[in-house]
Amino acid sequence: MFLYTMRIFERHRLPIYPMALLTWDTPKKPAEDQFGFSFSDLDVLSFRFRTIQLNRINWRTFLMQDNPVAAALMSKMQIPKAERPQVKVELMRMLATLRLNPTKSALIYQFMINYIRLNAEEEQKAQETIKKILPPEIQEQAMIITNEWIEKGLEKGKLLAQRTTNLRLISRRFGEAAATAYRPLIESLTPSESDQFFDVALFFTSEADLESWFSTRSAPE
């Protein structure tokens, strides 16, 4: 967190509000929110940052917020076992009422089903609750979100999001001209390569680093 913050500050020379979104399941004890070091005769560094630790937040806190980010993150919050079916019901309600485009709905739905994996009994209870308490028009929209066409579009939507993020990263760091020049190469990356590129591109300092990365990728083994 300290290194990320200082690199952003070094580039923009503006105050930075550092914040970490923590999505792990365990441990549930409060995460560290500071970093520093000192010597016997000198306190050199005291750095603090804000943490949002999802497994310490009750999912009901965000229940009434019709926000796509809240809908996605609720599935990683503190959920008592008995309330797991109800969480899925509320997430489906939120997705249906947000009226997002199919790609965005699919991405949030994928995130949800990855982390709210109900057993057969829980799934049956969730479906019964959906039919019982949700209005017919909301039920219909929920079915559209989870139909086969949306499922087939999940990977395409994920790859599109990866490409958009990488192009924005290039544009922010090296300008729109660089993003335009490297667009064909970015769009040729596989999902795995897109993830690898993002991980290292955060540390690029010049377009020469971009050129070197793509040259290494295309070099014969």
C-alpha atoms as a PDB file:
ATOM      1  CA  MET A   1       0.000   0.000   0.000  1.00  0.00           C
ATOM      2  CA  PHE A   2       2.858   2.345   0.818  1.00  0.00           C
ATOM      3  CA  LEU A   3       4.631   1.650  -2.482  1.00  0.00           C
ATOM      4  CA  TYR A   4       1.457   2.063  -4.562  1.00  0.00           C
ATOM      5  CA  THR A   5       0.617   5.313  -2.802  1.00  0.00           C
ATOM      6  CA  MET A   6       4.071   6.800  -3.238  1.00  0.00           C
ATOM      7  CA  ARG A   7       4.220   5.864  -6.929  1.00  0.00           C
ATOM      8  CA  ILE A   8       0.922   7.612  -7.542  1.00  0.00           C
ATOM      9  CA  PHE A   9       2.096  10.613  -5.544  1.00  0.00           C
ATOM     10  CA  GLU A  10       5.392  10.676  -7.436  1.00  0.00           C
ATOM     11  CA  ARG A  11       3.523  10.849 -10.731  1.00  0.00           C
ATOM     12  CA  HIS A  12       0.792  13.362  -9.861  1.00  0.00           C
ATOM     13  CA  ARG A  13       2.170  15.269  -6.850  1.00  0.00           C
ATOM     14  CA  LEU A  14      -1.275  15.418  -5.254  1.00  0.00           C
ATOM     15  CA  PRO A  15      -2.634  14.235  -1.885  1.00  0.00           C
ATOM     16  CA  ILE A  16      -3.527  10.532  -2.044  1.00  0.00           C
ATOM     17  CA  TYR A  17      -6.246   8.854   0.058  1.00  0.00           C
ATOM     18  CA  PRO A  18      -5.016   5.235   0.336  1.00  0.00           C
ATOM     19  CA  MET A  19      -7.734   2.614   0.731  1.00  0.00           C
ATOM     20  CA  ALA A  20      -7.544  -1.201   0.589  1.00  0.00           C
ATOM     21  CA  LEU A  21     -10.596  -3.321  -0.258  1.00  0.00           C
ATOM     22  CA  LEU A  22     -10.049  -6.694   1.453  1.00  0.00           C
ATOM     23  CA  THR A  23     -12.116  -9.589   0.081  1.00  0.00           C
ATOM     24  CA  TRP A  24     -10.657 -12.636   1.804  1.00  0.00           C
ATOM     25  CA  ASP A  25     -12.819 -15.041   3.827  1.00  0.00           C
ATOM     26  CA  THR A  26     -10.339 -15.548   6.667  1.00  0.00           C
ATOM     27  CA  PRO A  27      -8.977 -14.389   9.002  1.00  0.00           C
ATOM     28  CA  LYS A  28     -11.740 -12.202  10.384  1.00  0.00           C
ATOM     29  CA  LYS A  29      -9.571 -10.282  12.797  1.00  0.00           C
ATOM     30  CA  PRO A  30      -8.966  -6.634  11.828  1.00  0.00           C
ATOM     31  CA  ALA A  31      -6.312  -6.292   9.144  1.00  0.00           C
ATOM     32  CA  GLU A  32      -3.226  -4.137   9.534  1.00  0.00           C
ATOM     33  CA  ASP A  33      -3.776  -0.553   8.434  1.00  0.00           C
ATOM     34  CA  GLN A  34      -0.353   0.977   8.884  1.00  0.00           C
ATOM     35  CA  PHE A  35       3.275   0.601   7.920  1.00  0.00           C
ATOM     36  CA  GLY A  36       6.425   2.235   9.183  1.00  0.00           C
ATOM     37  CA  PHE A  37       9.896   1.847  10.556  1.00  0.00           C
ATOM     38  CA  SER A  38      12.259   3.635  12.890  1.00  0.00           C
ATOM     39  CA  PHE A  39      15.684   3.515  14.450  1.00  0.00           C
ATOM     40  CA  SER A  40      16.743   4.014  18.023  1.00  0.00           C
ATOM     41  CA  ASP A  41      17.339   7.689  17.409  1.00  0.00           C
ATOM     42  CA  LEU A  42      14.875   8.446  14.603  1.00  0.00           C
ATOM     43  CA  ASP A  43      11.249   7.726  13.655  1.00  0.00           C
ATOM     44  CA  VAL A  44      11.595   7.538   9.866  1.00  0.00           C
ATOM     45  CA  LEU A  45       8.155   6.614   8.576  1.00  0.00           C
ATOM     46  CA  SER A  46       4.580   6.317   9.845  1.00  0.00           C
ATOM     47  CA  PHE A  47       2.125   5.494   7.040  1.00  0.00           C
ATOM     48  CA  ARG A  48      -1.584   4.694   7.511  1.00  0.00           C
ATOM     49  CA  PHE A  49      -4.290   3.639   5.086  1.00  0.00           C
ATOM     50  CA  ARG A  50      -8.013   2.937   5.187  1.00  0.00           C
ATOM     51  CA  THR A  51      -9.162  -0.689   5.053  1.00  0.00           C
ATOM     52  CA  ILE A  52     -12.580  -1.983   4.013  1.00  0.00           C
ATOM     53  CA  GLN A  53     -12.623  -5.564   5.267  1.00  0.00           C
ATOM     54  CA  LEU A  54     -15.703  -7.198   3.779  1.00  0.00           C
ATOM     55  CA  ASN A  55     -15.774 -10.225   6.090  1.00  0.00           C
ATOM     56  CA  ARG A  56     -16.296  -7.840   9.029  1.00  0.00           C
ATOM     57  CA  ILE A  57     -19.277  -6.029   7.446  1.00  0.00           C
ATOM     58  CA  ASN A  58     -22.793  -7.439   7.776  1.00  0.00           C
ATOM     59  CA  TRP A  59     -24.377  -7.849   4.343  1.00  0.00           C
ATOM     60  CA  ARG A  60     -27.577  -6.101   5.484  1.00  0.00           C
ATOM     61  CA  THR A  61     -25.649  -2.835   5.768  1.00  0.00           C
ATOM     62  CA  PHE A  62     -25.824  -2.454   1.986  1.00  0.00           C
ATOM     63  CA  LEU A  63     -29.170  -4.155   1.422  1.00  0.00           C
ATOM     64  CA  MET A  64     -31.135  -1.041   0.444  1.00  0.00           C
ATOM     65  CA  GLN A  65     -28.438   0.547  -1.722  1.00  0.00           C
ATOM     66  CA  ASP A  66     -29.297   0.014  -5.368  1.00  0.00           C
ATOM     67  CA  ASN A  67     -25.700   0.136  -6.431  1.00  0.00           C
ATOM     68  CA  PRO A  68     -23.965  -2.423  -8.692  1.00  0.00           C
ATOM     69  CA  VAL A  69     -20.775  -2.341  -6.613  1.00  0.00           C
ATOM     70  CA  ALA A  70     -22.742  -3.066  -3.439  1.00  0.00           C
ATOM     71  CA  ALA A  71     -24.547  -5.899  -5.215  1.00  0.00           C
ATOM     72  CA  ALA A  72     -21.265  -7.511  -6.212  1.00  0.00           C
ATOM     73  CA  LEU A  73     -19.513  -7.065  -2.875  1.00  0.00           C
ATOM     74  CA  MET A  74     -22.392  -8.230  -0.670  1.00  0.00           C
ATOM     75  CA  SER A  75     -21.542 -11.838  -1.518  1.00  0.00           C
ATOM     76  CA  LYS A  76     -18.162 -11.411   0.224  1.00  0.00           C
ATOM     77  CA  MET A  77     -19.530  -9.805   3.381  1.00  0.00           C
ATOM     78  CA  GLN A  78     -20.400 -11.369   6.733  1.00  0.00           C
ATOM     79  CA  ILE A  79     -23.279 -13.774   6.050  1.00  0.00           C
ATOM     80  CA  PRO A  80     -24.736 -16.113   8.713  1.00  0.00           C
ATOM     81  CA  LYS A  81     -25.285 -19.583   7.244  1.00  0.00           C
ATOM     82  CA  ALA A  82     -29.039 -19.435   7.794  1.00  0.00           C
ATOM     83  CA  GLU A  83     -29.273 -16.233   5.701  1.00  0.00           C
ATOM     84  CA  ARG A  84     -27.406 -17.486   2.625  1.00  0.00           C
ATOM     85  CA  PRO A  85     -30.569 -18.201   0.571  1.00  0.00           C
ATOM     86  CA  GLN A  86     -31.959 -14.768   1.462  1.00  0.00           C
ATOM     87  CA  VAL A  87     -28.731 -13.114   0.283  1.00  0.00           C
ATOM     88  CA  LYS A  88     -29.164 -14.649  -3.153  1.00  0.00           C
ATOM     89  CA  VAL A  89     -32.779 -13.501  -3.279  1.00  0.00           C
ATOM     90  CA  GLU A  90     -31.810  -9.929  -2.446  1.00  0.00           C
ATOM     91  CA  LEU A  91     -28.913  -9.948  -4.893  1.00  0.00           C
ATOM     92  CA  MET A  92     -31.221 -11.108  -7.678  1.00  0.00           C
ATOM     93  CA  ARG A  93     -33.702  -8.397  -6.735  1.00  0.00           C
ATOM     94  CA  MET A  94     -30.991  -5.757  -6.840  1.00  0.00           C
ATOM     95  CA  LEU A  95     -29.699  -6.953 -10.221  1.00  0.00           C
ATOM     96  CA  ALA A  96     -33.195  -6.990 -11.685  1.00  0.00           C
ATOM     97  CA  THR A  97     -34.060  -3.488 -10.484  1.00  0.00           C
ATOM     98  CA  LEU A  98     -30.723  -1.905 -11.452  1.00  0.00           C
ATOM     99  CA  ARG A  99     -31.533  -2.413 -15.163  1.00  0.00           C
ATOM    100  CA  LEU A 100     -27.891  -2.783 -16.169  1.00  0.00           C
ATOM    101  CA  ASN A 101     -26.851  -3.869 -19.643  1.00  0.00           C
ATOM    102  CA  PRO A 102     -26.457  -7.653 -20.131  1.00  0.00           C
ATOM    103  CA  THR A 103     -22.655  -7.632 -19.922  1.00  0.00           C
ATOM    104  CA  LYS A 104     -22.544  -5.772 -16.602  1.00  0.00           C
ATOM    105  CA  SER A 105     -25.348  -7.913 -15.172  1.00  0.00           C
ATOM    106  CA  ALA A 106     -23.488 -11.046 -16.255  1.00  0.00           C
ATOM    107  CA  LEU A 107     -20.252  -9.956 -14.601  1.00  0.00           C
ATOM    108  CA  ILE A 108     -21.979  -9.218 -11.284  1.00  0.00           C
ATOM    109  CA  TYR A 109     -23.948 -12.466 -11.485  1.00  0.00           C
ATOM    110  CA  GLN A 110     -20.724 -14.413 -12.140  1.00  0.00           C
ATOM    111  CA  PHE A 111     -19.096 -12.806  -9.103  1.00  0.00           C
ATOM    112  CA  MET A 112     -22.153 -13.673  -7.024  1.00  0.00           C
ATOM    113  CA  ILE A 113     -22.413 -17.352  -7.990  1.00  0.00           C
ATOM    114  CA  ASN A 114     -18.678 -17.820  -7.470  1.00  0.00           C
ATOM    115  CA  TYR A 115     -18.922 -16.775  -3.827  1.00  0.00           C
ATOM    116  CA  ILE A 116     -22.501 -17.688  -2.894  1.00  0.00           C
ATOM    117  CA  ARG A 117     -22.472 -21.374  -3.774  1.00  0.00           C
ATOM    118  CA  LEU A 118     -25.722 -22.703  -2.332  1.00  0.00           C
ATOM    119  CA  ASN A 119     -26.313 -26.390  -1.744  1.00  0.00           C
ATOM    120  CA  ALA A 120     -29.426 -28.023  -3.201  1.00  0.00           C
ATOM    121  CA  GLU A 121     -31.566 -27.301  -0.138  1.00  0.00           C
ATOM    122  CA  GLU A 122     -30.477 -23.664   0.032  1.00  0.00           C
ATOM    123  CA  GLU A 123     -31.034 -23.169  -3.695  1.00  0.00           C
ATOM    124  CA  GLN A 124     -34.551 -24.611  -3.460  1.00  0.00           C
ATOM    125  CA  LYS A 125     -35.348 -22.281  -0.566  1.00  0.00           C
ATOM    126  CA  ALA A 126     -33.998 -19.293  -2.501  1.00  0.00           C
ATOM    127  CA  GLN A 127     -36.099 -20.130  -5.569  1.00  0.00           C
ATOM    128  CA  GLU A 128     -39.226 -20.608  -3.465  1.00  0.00           C
ATOM    129  CA  THR A 129     -38.637 -17.238  -1.802  1.00  0.00           C
ATOM    130  CA  ILE A 130     -38.104 -15.521  -5.168  1.00  0.00           C
ATOM    131  CA  LYS A 131     -41.462 -16.858  -6.408  1.00  0.00           C
ATOM    132  CA  LYS A 132     -43.177 -15.913  -3.164  1.00  0.00           C
ATOM    133  CA  ILE A 133     -42.000 -12.373  -2.447  1.00  0.00           C
ATOM    134  CA  LEU A 134     -40.718 -10.852  -5.688  1.00  0.00           C
ATOM    135  CA  PRO A 135     -43.208  -9.232  -8.113  1.00  0.00           C
ATOM    136  CA  PRO A 136     -43.694 -11.118 -11.417  1.00  0.00           C
ATOM    137  CA  GLU A 137     -41.859  -8.460 -13.447  1.00  0.00           C
ATOM    138  CA  ILE A 138     -38.823  -8.706 -11.144  1.00  0.00           C
ATOM    139  CA  GLN A 139     -38.907 -12.496 -11.375  1.00  0.00           C
ATOM    140  CA  GLU A 140     -38.923 -12.266 -15.163  1.00  0.00           C
ATOM    141  CA  GLN A 141     -35.953  -9.897 -15.198  1.00  0.00           C
ATOM    142  CA  ALA A 142     -34.054 -12.178 -12.810  1.00  0.00           C
ATOM    143  CA  MET A 143     -34.630 -15.111 -15.152  1.00  0.00           C
ATOM    144  CA  ILE A 144     -33.282 -13.083 -18.080  1.00  0.00           C
ATOM    145  CA  ILE A 145     -30.110 -12.327 -16.142  1.00  0.00           C
ATOM    146  CA  THR A 146     -29.484 -16.003 -15.386  1.00  0.00           C
ATOM    147  CA  ASN A 147     -30.506 -17.505 -18.724  1.00  0.00           C
ATOM    148  CA  GLU A 148     -28.191 -19.425 -21.011  1.00  0.00           C
ATOM    149  CA  TRP A 149     -27.429 -16.450 -23.275  1.00  0.00           C
ATOM    150  CA  ILE A 150     -26.055 -14.456 -20.349  1.00  0.00           C
ATOM    151  CA  GLU A 151     -24.036 -17.432 -19.129  1.00  0.00           C
ATOM    152  CA  LYS A 152     -22.375 -17.767 -22.549  1.00  0.00           C
ATOM    153  CA  GLY A 153     -21.518 -14.079 -22.512  1.00  0.00           C
ATOM    154  CA  LEU A 154     -19.704 -14.132 -19.169  1.00  0.00           C
ATOM    155  CA  GLU A 155     -16.226 -14.837 -20.515  1.00  0.00           C
ATOM    156  CA  LYS A 156     -16.652 -12.345 -23.355  1.00  0.00           C
ATOM    157  CA  GLY A 157     -17.705  -9.663 -20.896  1.00  0.00           C
ATOM    158  CA  LYS A 158     -14.791 -10.424 -18.595  1.00  0.00           C
ATOM    159  CA  LEU A 159     -12.259 -10.188 -21.440  1.00  0.00           C
ATOM    160  CA  LEU A 160     -13.797  -6.910 -22.647  1.00  0.00           C
ATOM    161  CA  ALA A 161     -13.466  -5.469 -19.139  1.00  0.00           C
ATOM    162  CA  GLN A 162      -9.819  -6.580 -18.967  1.00  0.00           C
ATOM    163  CA  ARG A 163      -9.012  -4.917 -22.296  1.00  0.00           C
ATOM    164  CA  THR A 164     -10.754  -1.685 -21.324  1.00  0.00           C
ATOM    165  CA  THR A 165      -8.870  -1.542 -18.018  1.00  0.00           C
ATOM    166  CA  ASN A 166      -5.490  -2.122 -19.683  1.00  0.00           C
ATOM    167  CA  LEU A 167      -6.131   0.514 -22.336  1.00  0.00           C
ATOM    168  CA  ARG A 168      -7.145   3.047 -19.688  1.00  0.00           C
ATOM    169  CA  LEU A 169      -3.993   2.245 -17.746  1.00  0.00           C
ATOM    170  CA  ILE A 170      -1.827   2.944 -20.809  1.00  0.00           C
ATOM    171  CA  SER A 171      -3.758   6.119 -21.572  1.00  0.00           C
ATOM    172  CA  ARG A 172      -3.399   7.444 -18.028  1.00  0.00           C
ATOM    173  CA  ARG A 173       0.321   6.719 -17.812  1.00  0.00           C
ATOM    174  CA  PHE A 174       1.550   7.449 -21.347  1.00  0.00           C
ATOM    175  CA  GLY A 175      -1.233   9.360 -23.110  1.00  0.00           C
ATOM    176  CA  GLU A 176      -4.056   8.656 -25.527  1.00  0.00           C
ATOM    177  CA  ALA A 177      -1.671   8.289 -28.486  1.00  0.00           C
ATOM    178  CA  ALA A 178       0.092   5.388 -26.800  1.00  0.00           C
ATOM    179  CA  ALA A 179      -3.235   3.729 -25.979  1.00  0.00           C
ATOM    180  CA  THR A 180      -4.304   4.028 -29.612  1.00  0.00           C
ATOM    181  CA  ALA A 181      -0.988   2.645 -30.856  1.00  0.00           C
ATOM    182  CA  TYR A 182      -1.087  -0.374 -28.540  1.00  0.00           C
ATOM    183  CA  ARG A 183      -4.812  -1.106 -28.848  1.00  0.00           C
ATOM    184  CA  PRO A 184      -4.359  -3.892 -31.474  1.00  0.00           C
ATOM    185  CA  LEU A 185      -1.788  -5.630 -29.256  1.00  0.00           C
ATOM    186  CA  ILE A 186      -3.949  -5.266 -26.138  1.00  0.00           C
ATOM    187  CA  GLU A 187      -6.940  -6.711 -27.984  1.00  0.00           C
ATOM    188  CA  SER A 188      -4.863  -9.684 -29.130  1.00  0.00           C
ATOM    189  CA  LEU A 189      -4.106 -10.790 -25.565  1.00  0.00           C
ATOM    190  CA  THR A 190      -5.740 -13.858 -24.080  1.00  0.00           C
ATOM    191  CA  PRO A 191      -7.537 -13.516 -20.716  1.00  0.00           C
ATOM    192  CA  SER A 192      -4.494 -14.921 -18.925  1.00  0.00           C
ATOM    193  CA  GLU A 193      -2.125 -12.581 -20.775  1.00  0.00           C
ATOM    194  CA  SER A 194      -4.374  -9.614 -20.024  1.00  0.00           C
ATOM    195  CA  ASP A 195      -4.101 -10.366 -16.301  1.00  0.00           C
ATOM    196  CA  GLN A 196      -0.315 -10.732 -16.565  1.00  0.00           C
ATOM    197  CA  PHE A 197      -0.023  -7.453 -18.463  1.00  0.00           C
ATOM    198  CA  PHE A 198      -2.024  -5.515 -15.866  1.00  0.00           C
ATOM    199  CA  ASP A 199       0.090  -6.893 -13.004  1.00  0.00           C
ATOM    200  CA  VAL A 200       3.363  -5.641 -14.544  1.00  0.00           C
ATOM    201  CA  ALA A 201       2.109  -2.522 -16.376  1.00  0.00           C
ATOM    202  CA  LEU A 202       1.393  -0.832 -13.051  1.00  0.00           C
ATOM    203  CA  PHE A 203       5.157  -0.510 -12.663  1.00  0.00           C
ATOM    204  CA  PHE A 204       6.045   0.649 -16.200  1.00  0.00           C
ATOM    205  CA  THR A 205       7.733   4.044 -16.285  1.00  0.00           C
ATOM    206  CA  SER A 206       8.063   4.592 -20.043  1.00  0.00           C
ATOM    207  CA  GLU A 207       6.749   3.407 -23.398  1.00  0.00           C
ATOM    208  CA  ALA A 208      10.007   1.490 -23.743  1.00  0.00           C
ATOM    209  CA  ASP A 209       8.720  -0.819 -21.005  1.00  0.00           C
ATOM    210  CA  LEU A 210       5.564  -1.420 -23.051  1.00  0.00           C
ATOM    211  CA  GLU A 211       7.548  -2.203 -26.173  1.00  0.00           C
ATOM    212  CA  SER A 212       9.859  -4.528 -24.257  1.00  0.00           C
ATOM    213  CA  TRP A 213       6.944  -6.484 -22.728  1.00  0.00           C
ATOM    214  CA  PHE A 214       5.213  -7.075 -26.038  1.00  0.00           C
ATOM    215  CA  SER A 215       8.507  -7.923 -27.749  1.00  0.00           C
ATOM    216  CA  THR A 216       9.239 -10.550 -25.102  1.00  0.00           C
ATOM    217  CA  ARG A 217       5.728 -11.969 -25.452  1.00  0.00           C
ATOM    218  CA  SER A 218       6.033 -12.384 -29.226  1.00  0.00           C
ATOM    219  CA  ALA A 219       9.603 -13.688 -29.198  1.00  0.00           C
ATOM    220  CA  PRO A 220       9.985 -17.346 -30.201  1.00  0.00           C
ATOM    221  CA  GLU A 221      10.892 -19.765 -27.435  1.00  0.00           C
END
